[in-house]
Amino acid sequence: MIKFKILKKSKKSNARLGIIETSNGSVETPALVTVATQGVVKTLASHEVEEAKSQMLICNTYHLHLKQAEKIVKSAGGLHKFMNWDRPLMTDSGGFQVFSLGFGRDHGVGKILKEKKDVSVSLGEQPKLLKISEKGVEFRSPIDGRKIFLGPKESMKIQEELGADIIFSFDECTSPVADYEYTKKSLALSHKWAEECIKARSPKARKKQALFGIVQGGKFADLRRESAKFISSLPFDGFGIGGEFGDDKKTMGKMLKVVLDDLPEEKPRHLLGIGHLEDIPEIIKAGVDTFDCIVPTHYARHGTAFSSDGRLDMKQSKFLKDKKPLDKKCACYVCKDYTRSYISHLFKANEITALKLLTFHNLYFFNSYIEKLREDIKKGKL
């Protein structure tokens, strides 16, 4: 189980300093939870992830189950031992893949629309590649085409075998183009599944793992409020804020306020899958404690370095003659030991070390940035 303690509340915003204690160590909040989809942060060993200041990781239930990895992980003594990570861990429920492999793939959209789409999801519609029912979701394996079924019971069993410190209830993450009626029915189903997740847990899991319930409701304030009140009425150890947030990030800010106003402050709140650098101060000021995002690692693998001067595209030839570090203000070993010229050369030469160096730097940069925001809360600046 976990313990959560609020250490300081901001007088300028809803930001708060806290600490989440688990049997595998503690996390100072607010904090970025680094994404380790298949039990690894791509290109880095576990000790390097810790050296990049990551306090907690989140692994993906659907993708691990796709490889039937939970049995292997269980026989190894759980994810912590399996991946040699002795700090806190989360696993998601598989609910995001209901969206990403469903209507998200059908319409080519993410959680927040980058541009207006002339499509919508209406009541009664089903995604092309999966089937949603009262009991759960039937996927088709992209590896061998076999049927994979995930519902509340299945998700809880898999997450119990994986053995993370914090797990999430199974839900449907709706599409940003879903209409009100579709979102309302989806929400009722997610609420039903939330109750089933609580019932499905084994006594052993209840003692060892914290279960977070997920608030959904899309871009509709009344549904978000309904969900926050319902989920917080159940005996969850904390809360996830999931789903899409409509047409733009302004809507996200409004929805976060709606949700957080109705969640009990004594339990931790996690924002699922959001965390661009420019989003982070607003997320924290809203009162979110932890959040996960693929941005630092995903962008690194595509050649983007984050710096105090903005984003740098290290695939551009102009950096081949640049002898400066990625960021002169950064204390990571990449900035101390390597030049922009060298890293750009590695990308031009298609060397995999380029991905490793940028991934480490970006994680260190993001975690250092959030470290400073925690200090700002402490000093009364945020």
Foldseek 3Di string as FASTA:
>chain_A
DKAKDWDFAFPVFRFTWIWIQAPLGIDTWPDAAEEQAQLHLPPDQQVLLVVLVHQEHEYELVVNVLVPNLVVQLVQPASCSVRVPSGAYEYEQCQVCLCCVFVCVVQVADLAGPDDDPDAAEPPDTGPAWGQDLAFIWGARPVPRDIDTGALLNSQVSCVSNQGQEYEFHAHADHLRYDQVNLLVRLVSLLVSNVVNVVNHDPVCVVRHFYAYEQHRELDLVSSLVRLQSRQVDPGQAYEYGHHQHHDVVSVLVSLLSNVVSHDLSHAYEYEADDDPVCVVSCSSSNHIYYYHCVQLVVQVQQWAQEPVGIDRLLDPVQLPFQAFPYPVAPDVSRVPGGSNVLSVCVVVVHCVSSNSSSSRSSSVSRVVVVVVSVCSVVSND
